[in-house]
Amino acid sequence: MISSFHLQATPIAGLSVIHRQTKGDTRGYLERLFCVEELAAITQGKPFVQINHTLTFKPGVVRGLHFQRPPHAEVKLVTCLRGEVFDVAVDLRADSPTFLHWHAEILSADNHKSLAIPEGFAHGFQTLTDNCEMLYFHTAAYHPEAEDALNPCDAALAIRWPLAISELSPRDAAHPLLSPDFKGMNL
C-alpha cells in the first residue's frame, strides 16, 4: 500500500509534521487529510470528535496559544487550507526534557503540510498572508472549564513571530505571563 502521508519528526518528541501526498492529473488533485489507519500513532488511538475551521482576514494576526487541561487534553491535527501561517506548538508536559520549548512550521495550501500536536501542548499561529483558513481536528470536545492559554508575547517563551503582531484578540492579549512556579501538565 502506498501511503498518503510522510511523517517527519521535529526536535520535540511526539510533535510531528505530516506531509500530505497529492495524487493529480490534468483536472487537479486528490489529497487525503486524515486516515485512521495510517495516522493511528499520531492520534494515540483516540478518535477525532470535533473539527473546527477558522478564517483570519489579515496578515500578522496571532491566535493562541491555547490548550485544554486534563482530563480534556487533546491531540490536534492542524492544516492550512488557504493562505500561509506560522504555526507554533509549545511543550507543556511537566516531565518533558523540552518543557516550554516551542517548534514552528510554515503551513500553507501550497506545501500540503499539517502539524500533529500531541496532548500537553499549547498551540497558536500567526497569519502570513490575507484570508488564511485553518482546519483543526481534535480528540477532545471543547470544555470551557478546562480551557487555558499562554500569552503569545511572553518573553519567557521567546517565540520569534515572523511579522510584527498586527492584532491579538483582547482575550489572548490578557493571558498572564508565565509565573516562576508554572509546572506544566501531568498527563
N, C-alpha and C. Protein backbone atom coordinates (compact mmCIF):
# COMPACT_ATOMS: atom_id res chain seq x y z
N MET A 1 0.84 -1.18 0.00
CA MET A 1 0.00 0.00 0.00
C MET A 1 0.89 1.24 0.00
N ILE A 2 0.59 2.19 -0.85
CA ILE A 2 1.30 3.46 -0.91
C ILE A 2 0.65 4.40 0.10
N SER A 3 1.48 5.01 0.95
CA SER A 3 0.96 5.88 1.99
C SER A 3 0.56 7.23 1.41
N SER A 4 -0.46 7.80 2.01
CA SER A 4 -0.91 9.14 1.65
C SER A 4 -0.15 10.22 2.42
N PHE A 5 0.71 9.77 3.35
CA PHE A 5 1.38 10.70 4.25
C PHE A 5 2.84 10.32 4.44
N HIS A 6 3.66 11.33 4.65
CA HIS A 6 5.04 11.14 5.09
C HIS A 6 5.16 11.87 6.41
N LEU A 7 5.54 11.16 7.47
CA LEU A 7 5.68 11.76 8.79
C LEU A 7 7.11 12.20 9.02
N GLN A 8 7.26 13.40 9.55
CA GLN A 8 8.58 13.95 9.84
C GLN A 8 8.63 14.33 11.31
N ALA A 9 9.59 13.80 12.02
CA ALA A 9 9.77 14.14 13.43
C ALA A 9 10.29 15.57 13.54
N THR A 10 10.02 16.19 14.68
CA THR A 10 10.56 17.52 14.98
C THR A 10 11.54 17.36 16.15
N PRO A 11 12.23 18.41 16.54
CA PRO A 11 13.13 18.32 17.69
C PRO A 11 12.40 18.06 19.02
N ILE A 12 11.08 18.15 19.04
CA ILE A 12 10.31 17.91 20.25
C ILE A 12 9.59 16.57 20.11
N ALA A 13 9.89 15.64 21.00
CA ALA A 13 9.32 14.29 20.94
C ALA A 13 7.80 14.32 20.90
N GLY A 14 7.23 13.56 19.98
CA GLY A 14 5.79 13.44 19.84
C GLY A 14 5.16 14.44 18.89
N LEU A 15 5.83 15.55 18.63
CA LEU A 15 5.32 16.58 17.72
C LEU A 15 5.79 16.23 16.32
N SER A 16 4.86 16.09 15.38
CA SER A 16 5.21 15.64 14.03
C SER A 16 4.64 16.55 12.95
N VAL A 17 5.38 16.63 11.86
CA VAL A 17 4.89 17.29 10.66
C VAL A 17 4.40 16.19 9.72
N ILE A 18 3.22 16.39 9.19
CA ILE A 18 2.66 15.44 8.24
C ILE A 18 2.72 16.08 6.86
N HIS A 19 3.40 15.41 5.95
CA HIS A 19 3.44 15.85 4.55
C HIS A 19 2.38 15.03 3.82
N ARG A 20 1.34 15.70 3.35
CA ARG A 20 0.26 15.02 2.65
C ARG A 20 0.66 14.83 1.18
N GLN A 21 0.45 13.64 0.68
CA GLN A 21 0.79 13.32 -0.70
C GLN A 21 -0.43 13.58 -1.59
N THR A 22 -0.22 14.28 -2.69
CA THR A 22 -1.33 14.53 -3.61
C THR A 22 -1.24 13.55 -4.78
N LYS A 23 -2.39 13.21 -5.30
CA LYS A 23 -2.48 12.38 -6.50
C LYS A 23 -3.26 13.20 -7.52
N GLY A 24 -2.58 13.61 -8.59
CA GLY A 24 -3.22 14.52 -9.52
C GLY A 24 -3.06 14.15 -10.97
N ASP A 25 -3.82 14.87 -11.77
CA ASP A 25 -3.76 14.76 -13.22
C ASP A 25 -4.15 16.12 -13.79
N THR A 26 -4.53 16.17 -15.02
CA THR A 26 -4.85 17.45 -15.67
C THR A 26 -6.06 18.15 -15.06
N ARG A 27 -6.91 17.41 -14.36
CA ARG A 27 -8.10 18.00 -13.74
C ARG A 27 -7.81 18.69 -12.42
N GLY A 28 -6.72 18.27 -11.75
CA GLY A 28 -6.42 18.78 -10.41
C GLY A 28 -5.82 17.67 -9.58
N TYR A 29 -6.17 17.60 -8.30
CA TYR A 29 -5.60 16.55 -7.45
C TYR A 29 -6.57 16.14 -6.36
N LEU A 30 -6.27 14.98 -5.78
CA LEU A 30 -6.95 14.46 -4.60
C LEU A 30 -5.90 14.43 -3.49
N GLU A 31 -6.31 14.84 -2.31
CA GLU A 31 -5.41 14.85 -1.17
C GLU A 31 -6.16 14.33 0.04
N ARG A 32 -5.62 13.33 0.70
CA ARG A 32 -6.24 12.80 1.92
C ARG A 32 -5.78 13.66 3.09
N LEU A 33 -6.71 14.16 3.89
CA LEU A 33 -6.38 14.96 5.06
C LEU A 33 -6.15 14.10 6.29
N PHE A 34 -6.81 12.95 6.35
CA PHE A 34 -6.68 12.08 7.52
C PHE A 34 -7.05 10.66 7.13
N CYS A 35 -6.38 9.70 7.75
CA CYS A 35 -6.72 8.29 7.63
C CYS A 35 -6.43 7.65 8.98
N VAL A 36 -7.44 7.06 9.61
CA VAL A 36 -7.28 6.49 10.94
C VAL A 36 -6.23 5.39 10.95
N GLU A 37 -6.14 4.60 9.89
CA GLU A 37 -5.16 3.51 9.85
C GLU A 37 -3.74 4.06 9.70
N GLU A 38 -3.54 4.99 8.81
CA GLU A 38 -2.19 5.49 8.55
C GLU A 38 -1.67 6.43 9.64
N LEU A 39 -2.56 7.06 10.38
CA LEU A 39 -2.14 8.05 11.38
C LEU A 39 -2.49 7.63 12.81
N ALA A 40 -2.65 6.32 13.03
CA ALA A 40 -3.02 5.82 14.36
C ALA A 40 -2.01 6.24 15.43
N ALA A 41 -0.74 6.26 15.11
CA ALA A 41 0.28 6.65 16.09
C ALA A 41 0.13 8.12 16.48
N ILE A 42 -0.32 8.94 15.56
CA ILE A 42 -0.50 10.38 15.83
C ILE A 42 -1.64 10.62 16.81
N THR A 43 -2.74 9.91 16.65
CA THR A 43 -3.93 10.16 17.48
C THR A 43 -3.88 9.41 18.81
N GLN A 44 -2.85 8.61 19.02
CA GLN A 44 -2.72 7.83 20.26
C GLN A 44 -3.94 6.93 20.47
N GLY A 45 -4.52 6.47 19.37
CA GLY A 45 -5.66 5.57 19.43
C GLY A 45 -6.98 6.23 19.75
N LYS A 46 -7.01 7.56 19.83
CA LYS A 46 -8.24 8.27 20.16
C LYS A 46 -8.90 8.77 18.88
N PRO A 47 -10.23 8.75 18.84
CA PRO A 47 -10.92 9.27 17.65
C PRO A 47 -10.98 10.80 17.68
N PHE A 48 -11.03 11.39 16.51
CA PHE A 48 -11.31 12.82 16.44
C PHE A 48 -12.79 13.01 16.70
N VAL A 49 -13.11 13.95 17.59
CA VAL A 49 -14.50 14.16 18.00
C VAL A 49 -15.02 15.56 17.67
N GLN A 50 -14.11 16.44 17.23
CA GLN A 50 -14.52 17.80 16.91
C GLN A 50 -13.62 18.32 15.80
N ILE A 51 -14.21 19.05 14.86
CA ILE A 51 -13.46 19.68 13.78
C ILE A 51 -13.85 21.15 13.76
N ASN A 52 -12.82 22.03 13.80
CA ASN A 52 -13.05 23.47 13.78
C ASN A 52 -12.40 24.07 12.55
N HIS A 53 -12.97 25.18 12.09
CA HIS A 53 -12.49 25.88 10.90
C HIS A 53 -12.41 27.35 11.26
N THR A 54 -11.26 28.00 10.93
CA THR A 54 -11.14 29.44 11.17
C THR A 54 -10.78 30.14 9.87
N LEU A 55 -11.16 31.39 9.79
CA LEU A 55 -10.77 32.29 8.71
C LEU A 55 -10.22 33.54 9.39
N THR A 56 -9.01 33.93 9.02
CA THR A 56 -8.38 35.14 9.55
C THR A 56 -8.06 36.03 8.36
N PHE A 57 -8.57 37.26 8.38
CA PHE A 57 -8.54 38.12 7.21
C PHE A 57 -7.17 38.72 6.87
N LYS A 58 -6.40 39.13 7.89
CA LYS A 58 -5.21 39.95 7.62
C LYS A 58 -3.93 39.25 8.06
N PRO A 59 -2.80 39.58 7.41
CA PRO A 59 -1.51 39.06 7.87
C PRO A 59 -1.07 39.71 9.18
N GLY A 60 -0.26 38.97 9.94
CA GLY A 60 0.26 39.48 11.20
C GLY A 60 -0.58 39.16 12.41
N VAL A 61 -1.80 38.66 12.21
CA VAL A 61 -2.69 38.32 13.32
C VAL A 61 -2.16 37.07 14.02
N VAL A 62 -2.16 37.09 15.35
CA VAL A 62 -1.79 35.91 16.13
C VAL A 62 -3.03 35.41 16.86
N ARG A 63 -3.25 34.11 16.76
CA ARG A 63 -4.31 33.43 17.52
C ARG A 63 -3.62 32.39 18.40
N GLY A 64 -3.96 32.39 19.68
CA GLY A 64 -3.37 31.38 20.57
C GLY A 64 -2.57 32.06 21.66
N LEU A 65 -1.97 31.30 22.43
CA LEU A 65 -1.54 29.90 22.43
C LEU A 65 -2.47 29.10 23.35
N HIS A 66 -3.37 28.35 22.79
CA HIS A 66 -4.45 27.71 23.53
C HIS A 66 -4.16 26.23 23.82
N PHE A 67 -4.76 25.75 24.91
CA PHE A 67 -4.72 24.32 25.25
C PHE A 67 -5.85 24.01 26.21
N GLN A 68 -6.12 22.72 26.38
CA GLN A 68 -7.08 22.25 27.38
C GLN A 68 -6.33 21.41 28.41
N ARG A 69 -6.67 21.62 29.66
CA ARG A 69 -6.04 20.86 30.75
C ARG A 69 -6.70 19.48 30.87
N PRO A 70 -5.93 18.50 31.40
CA PRO A 70 -6.52 17.19 31.66
C PRO A 70 -7.71 17.33 32.60
N PRO A 71 -8.71 16.52 32.48
CA PRO A 71 -8.78 15.31 31.66
C PRO A 71 -9.23 15.56 30.22
N HIS A 72 -9.24 16.81 29.79
CA HIS A 72 -9.70 17.14 28.44
C HIS A 72 -8.56 17.54 27.51
N ALA A 73 -7.33 17.16 27.87
CA ALA A 73 -6.20 17.42 26.98
C ALA A 73 -6.48 16.75 25.65
N GLU A 74 -5.97 17.31 24.57
CA GLU A 74 -6.35 16.85 23.25
C GLU A 74 -5.17 16.73 22.31
N VAL A 75 -5.29 15.81 21.39
CA VAL A 75 -4.42 15.75 20.23
C VAL A 75 -5.06 16.64 19.18
N LYS A 76 -4.25 17.46 18.49
CA LYS A 76 -4.76 18.31 17.42
C LYS A 76 -4.02 17.99 16.13
N LEU A 77 -4.75 17.98 15.06
CA LEU A 77 -4.17 17.89 13.72
C LEU A 77 -4.57 19.18 13.03
N VAL A 78 -3.57 20.01 12.69
CA VAL A 78 -3.82 21.36 12.20
C VAL A 78 -3.36 21.47 10.75
N THR A 79 -4.24 22.01 9.90
CA THR A 79 -3.98 22.12 8.47
C THR A 79 -4.39 23.51 7.99
N CYS A 80 -3.59 24.09 7.10
CA CYS A 80 -3.92 25.36 6.47
C CYS A 80 -4.51 25.07 5.09
N LEU A 81 -5.75 25.47 4.87
CA LEU A 81 -6.44 25.22 3.61
C LEU A 81 -6.27 26.34 2.59
N ARG A 82 -6.03 27.56 3.10
CA ARG A 82 -5.84 28.71 2.22
C ARG A 82 -4.91 29.69 2.90
N GLY A 83 -3.98 30.26 2.15
CA GLY A 83 -3.03 31.21 2.70
C GLY A 83 -1.81 30.51 3.25
N GLU A 84 -1.15 31.20 4.21
CA GLU A 84 0.08 30.68 4.80
C GLU A 84 0.18 31.17 6.24
N VAL A 85 0.54 30.27 7.15
CA VAL A 85 0.65 30.61 8.57
C VAL A 85 1.96 30.09 9.14
N PHE A 86 2.39 30.73 10.21
CA PHE A 86 3.50 30.30 11.05
C PHE A 86 2.84 29.62 12.23
N ASP A 87 2.86 28.30 12.25
CA ASP A 87 2.11 27.50 13.22
C ASP A 87 3.04 27.05 14.34
N VAL A 88 2.65 27.29 15.59
CA VAL A 88 3.53 27.09 16.75
C VAL A 88 2.90 26.12 17.74
N ALA A 89 3.73 25.20 18.26
CA ALA A 89 3.34 24.32 19.36
C ALA A 89 4.37 24.47 20.47
N VAL A 90 3.88 24.61 21.71
CA VAL A 90 4.75 24.77 22.88
C VAL A 90 4.55 23.57 23.79
N ASP A 91 5.64 22.92 24.15
CA ASP A 91 5.61 21.73 25.00
C ASP A 91 5.33 22.13 26.45
N LEU A 92 4.20 21.66 26.99
CA LEU A 92 3.82 21.95 28.37
C LEU A 92 3.86 20.71 29.26
N ARG A 93 4.42 19.62 28.75
CA ARG A 93 4.47 18.37 29.52
C ARG A 93 5.52 18.51 30.63
N ALA A 94 5.04 18.40 31.86
CA ALA A 94 5.89 18.65 33.03
C ALA A 94 7.14 17.77 33.06
N ASP A 95 7.05 16.56 32.58
CA ASP A 95 8.18 15.63 32.66
C ASP A 95 9.02 15.60 31.38
N SER A 96 8.81 16.52 30.48
CA SER A 96 9.49 16.52 29.19
C SER A 96 10.83 17.23 29.25
N PRO A 97 11.85 16.68 28.60
CA PRO A 97 13.13 17.39 28.54
C PRO A 97 13.05 18.67 27.69
N THR A 98 11.98 18.82 26.91
CA THR A 98 11.79 20.03 26.10
C THR A 98 10.66 20.90 26.66
N PHE A 99 10.41 20.80 27.97
CA PHE A 99 9.39 21.60 28.64
C PHE A 99 9.59 23.08 28.31
N LEU A 100 8.54 23.74 27.84
CA LEU A 100 8.47 25.15 27.45
C LEU A 100 9.27 25.47 26.18
N HIS A 101 9.76 24.47 25.48
CA HIS A 101 10.36 24.71 24.16
C HIS A 101 9.22 24.79 23.14
N TRP A 102 9.46 25.51 22.08
CA TRP A 102 8.46 25.62 21.03
C TRP A 102 9.06 25.20 19.70
N HIS A 103 8.18 24.80 18.81
CA HIS A 103 8.57 24.46 17.44
C HIS A 103 7.51 25.07 16.52
N ALA A 104 7.97 25.61 15.39
CA ALA A 104 7.05 26.23 14.43
C ALA A 104 7.28 25.64 13.05
N GLU A 105 6.23 25.61 12.28
CA GLU A 105 6.25 25.19 10.88
C GLU A 105 5.44 26.17 10.07
N ILE A 106 5.87 26.42 8.86
CA ILE A 106 5.05 27.15 7.91
C ILE A 106 4.06 26.14 7.32
N LEU A 107 2.79 26.42 7.50
CA LEU A 107 1.74 25.60 6.90
C LEU A 107 1.06 26.45 5.84
N SER A 108 0.80 25.84 4.69
CA SER A 108 0.14 26.59 3.62
C SER A 108 -0.67 25.65 2.76
N ALA A 109 -1.53 26.24 1.96
CA ALA A 109 -2.29 25.45 0.99
C ALA A 109 -1.34 24.83 -0.03
N ASP A 110 -0.24 25.50 -0.30
CA ASP A 110 0.68 25.04 -1.33
C ASP A 110 1.66 23.97 -0.87
N ASN A 111 2.06 23.97 0.43
CA ASN A 111 3.07 22.99 0.84
C ASN A 111 2.49 21.68 1.37
N HIS A 112 1.18 21.59 1.53
CA HIS A 112 0.50 20.33 1.88
C HIS A 112 1.05 19.72 3.17
N LYS A 113 1.33 20.56 4.15
CA LYS A 113 1.78 20.07 5.46
C LYS A 113 0.68 20.26 6.49
N SER A 114 0.68 19.38 7.48
CA SER A 114 -0.15 19.53 8.67
C SER A 114 0.77 19.37 9.87
N LEU A 115 0.37 19.91 11.01
CA LEU A 115 1.12 19.72 12.24
C LEU A 115 0.27 18.85 13.16
N ALA A 116 0.87 17.74 13.62
CA ALA A 116 0.21 16.82 14.55
C ALA A 116 0.73 17.14 15.94
N ILE A 117 -0.16 17.68 16.77
CA ILE A 117 0.21 18.19 18.09
C ILE A 117 -0.34 17.25 19.16
N PRO A 118 0.53 16.61 19.93
CA PRO A 118 0.05 15.68 20.95
C PRO A 118 -0.56 16.39 22.15
N GLU A 119 -1.14 15.61 23.05
CA GLU A 119 -1.64 16.15 24.31
C GLU A 119 -0.48 16.80 25.05
N GLY A 120 -0.79 17.86 25.78
CA GLY A 120 0.23 18.50 26.60
C GLY A 120 0.96 19.63 25.91
N PHE A 121 0.39 20.16 24.84
CA PHE A 121 0.99 21.27 24.11
C PHE A 121 0.01 22.43 24.01
N ALA A 122 0.54 23.65 24.01
CA ALA A 122 -0.25 24.83 23.64
C ALA A 122 -0.04 25.04 22.15
N HIS A 123 -1.04 25.63 21.50
CA HIS A 123 -0.97 25.83 20.05
C HIS A 123 -1.45 27.23 19.69
N GLY A 124 -0.79 27.81 18.69
CA GLY A 124 -1.21 29.08 18.14
C GLY A 124 -0.59 29.28 16.77
N PHE A 125 -0.97 30.35 16.11
CA PHE A 125 -0.39 30.63 14.80
C PHE A 125 -0.43 32.12 14.51
N GLN A 126 0.43 32.52 13.55
CA GLN A 126 0.40 33.87 13.01
C GLN A 126 0.15 33.78 11.52
N THR A 127 -0.79 34.59 11.02
CA THR A 127 -1.07 34.61 9.59
C THR A 127 0.02 35.38 8.86
N LEU A 128 0.43 34.84 7.73
CA LEU A 128 1.48 35.48 6.92
C LEU A 128 0.92 36.08 5.64
N THR A 129 -0.33 35.75 5.34
CA THR A 129 -0.99 36.26 4.14
C THR A 129 -2.42 36.66 4.49
N ASP A 130 -3.11 37.25 3.54
CA ASP A 130 -4.54 37.55 3.71
C ASP A 130 -5.35 36.27 3.66
N ASN A 131 -6.50 36.30 4.31
CA ASN A 131 -7.53 35.27 4.19
C ASN A 131 -7.01 33.85 4.41
N CYS A 132 -6.48 33.62 5.61
CA CYS A 132 -5.97 32.29 5.98
C CYS A 132 -7.10 31.45 6.57
N GLU A 133 -7.27 30.27 6.00
CA GLU A 133 -8.26 29.32 6.51
C GLU A 133 -7.54 28.13 7.11
N MET A 134 -7.92 27.82 8.37
CA MET A 134 -7.31 26.71 9.10
C MET A 134 -8.39 25.69 9.45
N LEU A 135 -7.99 24.43 9.44
CA LEU A 135 -8.87 23.32 9.81
C LEU A 135 -8.19 22.57 10.94
N TYR A 136 -8.91 22.35 12.04
CA TYR A 136 -8.38 21.67 13.22
C TYR A 136 -9.22 20.44 13.51
N PHE A 137 -8.56 19.30 13.67
CA PHE A 137 -9.20 18.07 14.14
C PHE A 137 -8.78 17.90 15.60
N HIS A 138 -9.74 17.60 16.50
CA HIS A 138 -9.48 17.49 17.93
C HIS A 138 -9.95 16.13 18.45
N THR A 139 -9.17 15.54 19.37
CA THR A 139 -9.60 14.28 20.00
C THR A 139 -10.42 14.50 21.26
N ALA A 140 -10.64 15.75 21.65
CA ALA A 140 -11.50 16.07 22.79
C ALA A 140 -12.39 17.25 22.40
N ALA A 141 -13.62 17.20 22.84
CA ALA A 141 -14.53 18.31 22.61
C ALA A 141 -14.09 19.49 23.48
N TYR A 142 -14.51 20.68 23.08
CA TYR A 142 -14.19 21.88 23.84
C TYR A 142 -14.90 21.86 25.19
N HIS A 143 -14.15 22.10 26.26
CA HIS A 143 -14.68 22.19 27.61
C HIS A 143 -14.19 23.50 28.22
N PRO A 144 -15.08 24.50 28.36
CA PRO A 144 -14.65 25.81 28.84
C PRO A 144 -13.94 25.75 30.19
N GLU A 145 -14.34 24.83 31.05
CA GLU A 145 -13.70 24.73 32.37
C GLU A 145 -12.27 24.20 32.30
N ALA A 146 -11.90 23.58 31.18
CA ALA A 146 -10.54 23.05 31.00
C ALA A 146 -9.67 23.96 30.15
N GLU A 147 -10.26 25.00 29.59
CA GLU A 147 -9.54 25.89 28.69
C GLU A 147 -8.46 26.67 29.44
N ASP A 148 -7.32 26.83 28.78
CA ASP A 148 -6.24 27.64 29.32
C ASP A 148 -5.40 28.15 28.15
N ALA A 149 -4.46 29.03 28.44
CA ALA A 149 -3.65 29.59 27.36
C ALA A 149 -2.39 30.22 27.92
N LEU A 150 -1.42 30.37 27.05
CA LEU A 150 -0.20 31.12 27.33
C LEU A 150 -0.29 32.43 26.57
N ASN A 151 0.38 33.45 27.08
CA ASN A 151 0.42 34.72 26.37
C ASN A 151 1.42 34.61 25.22
N PRO A 152 1.00 34.85 23.99
CA PRO A 152 1.90 34.68 22.85
C PRO A 152 3.05 35.69 22.82
N CYS A 153 2.98 36.73 23.64
CA CYS A 153 4.04 37.74 23.70
C CYS A 153 4.96 37.54 24.90
N ASP A 154 4.81 36.43 25.61
CA ASP A 154 5.60 36.18 26.81
C ASP A 154 7.09 36.05 26.46
N ALA A 155 7.91 36.92 27.03
CA ALA A 155 9.36 36.89 26.77
C ALA A 155 9.99 35.58 27.24
N ALA A 156 9.38 34.92 28.23
CA ALA A 156 9.92 33.64 28.72
C ALA A 156 9.85 32.56 27.63
N LEU A 157 8.90 32.67 26.72
CA LEU A 157 8.79 31.72 25.61
C LEU A 157 9.69 32.11 24.46
N ALA A 158 9.90 33.39 24.27
CA ALA A 158 10.78 33.93 23.22
C ALA A 158 10.41 33.41 21.82
N ILE A 159 9.12 33.40 21.53
CA ILE A 159 8.69 32.98 20.19
C ILE A 159 9.05 34.09 19.21
N ARG A 160 9.72 33.72 18.15
CA ARG A 160 10.14 34.69 17.14
C ARG A 160 9.08 34.74 16.03
N TRP A 161 8.03 35.52 16.27
CA TRP A 161 6.97 35.67 15.27
C TRP A 161 7.59 36.35 14.04
N PRO A 162 7.33 35.84 12.85
CA PRO A 162 8.00 36.38 11.66
C PRO A 162 7.58 37.79 11.28
N LEU A 163 6.37 38.20 11.64
CA LEU A 163 5.87 39.54 11.35
C LEU A 163 5.59 40.26 12.66
N ALA A 164 5.56 41.58 12.59
CA ALA A 164 5.07 42.34 13.74
C ALA A 164 3.63 41.90 13.98
N ILE A 165 3.24 41.72 15.22
CA ILE A 165 1.87 41.29 15.52
C ILE A 165 0.93 42.45 15.23
N SER A 166 0.04 42.24 14.25
CA SER A 166 -0.89 43.28 13.85
C SER A 166 -2.15 43.28 14.70
N GLU A 167 -2.48 42.12 15.26
CA GLU A 167 -3.71 42.04 16.05
C GLU A 167 -3.69 40.79 16.91
N LEU A 168 -4.18 40.95 18.15
CA LEU A 168 -4.45 39.86 19.09
C LEU A 168 -5.85 40.09 19.62
N SER A 169 -6.58 39.04 19.87
CA SER A 169 -7.88 39.25 20.49
C SER A 169 -7.65 39.80 21.90
N PRO A 170 -8.60 40.55 22.43
CA PRO A 170 -8.45 41.03 23.81
C PRO A 170 -8.22 39.87 24.79
N ARG A 171 -8.89 38.76 24.55
CA ARG A 171 -8.73 37.58 25.41
C ARG A 171 -7.30 37.05 25.35
N ASP A 172 -6.74 36.89 24.13
CA ASP A 172 -5.38 36.36 24.01
C ASP A 172 -4.35 37.33 24.58
N ALA A 173 -4.56 38.63 24.41
CA ALA A 173 -3.63 39.63 24.94
C ALA A 173 -3.65 39.66 26.47
N ALA A 174 -4.77 39.25 27.07
CA ALA A 174 -4.92 39.30 28.52
C ALA A 174 -4.40 38.06 29.24
N HIS A 175 -4.00 37.03 28.50
CA HIS A 175 -3.48 35.84 29.18
C HIS A 175 -2.24 36.22 29.97
N PRO A 176 -2.13 35.74 31.20
CA PRO A 176 -1.00 36.13 32.04
C PRO A 176 0.32 35.58 31.51
N LEU A 177 1.40 36.23 31.92
CA LEU A 177 2.73 35.74 31.60
C LEU A 177 3.02 34.54 32.50
N LEU A 178 3.94 33.70 32.07
CA LEU A 178 4.30 32.53 32.87
C LEU A 178 4.86 32.97 34.22
N SER A 179 4.42 32.30 35.26
CA SER A 179 4.96 32.58 36.59
C SER A 179 6.10 31.59 36.85
N PRO A 180 7.02 31.93 37.73
CA PRO A 180 8.14 31.04 38.01
C PRO A 180 7.70 29.67 38.55
N ASP A 181 6.49 29.61 39.12
CA ASP A 181 6.03 28.33 39.68
C ASP A 181 5.18 27.51 38.70
N PHE A 182 5.13 27.92 37.41
CA PHE A 182 4.38 27.15 36.42
C PHE A 182 5.06 25.79 36.22
N LYS A 183 4.33 24.74 36.48
CA LYS A 183 4.89 23.38 36.44
C LYS A 183 4.46 22.58 35.22
N GLY A 184 3.58 23.15 34.40
CA GLY A 184 3.15 22.42 33.22
C GLY A 184 2.04 21.44 33.51
N MET A 185 1.90 20.46 32.61
CA MET A 185 0.82 19.48 32.70
C MET A 185 1.37 18.10 33.00
N ASN A 186 0.69 17.41 33.89
CA ASN A 186 0.93 15.99 34.11
C ASN A 186 -0.17 15.23 33.41
N LEU A 187 0.20 14.43 32.43
CA LEU A 187 -0.81 13.70 31.65
C LEU A 187 -1.01 12.30 32.14
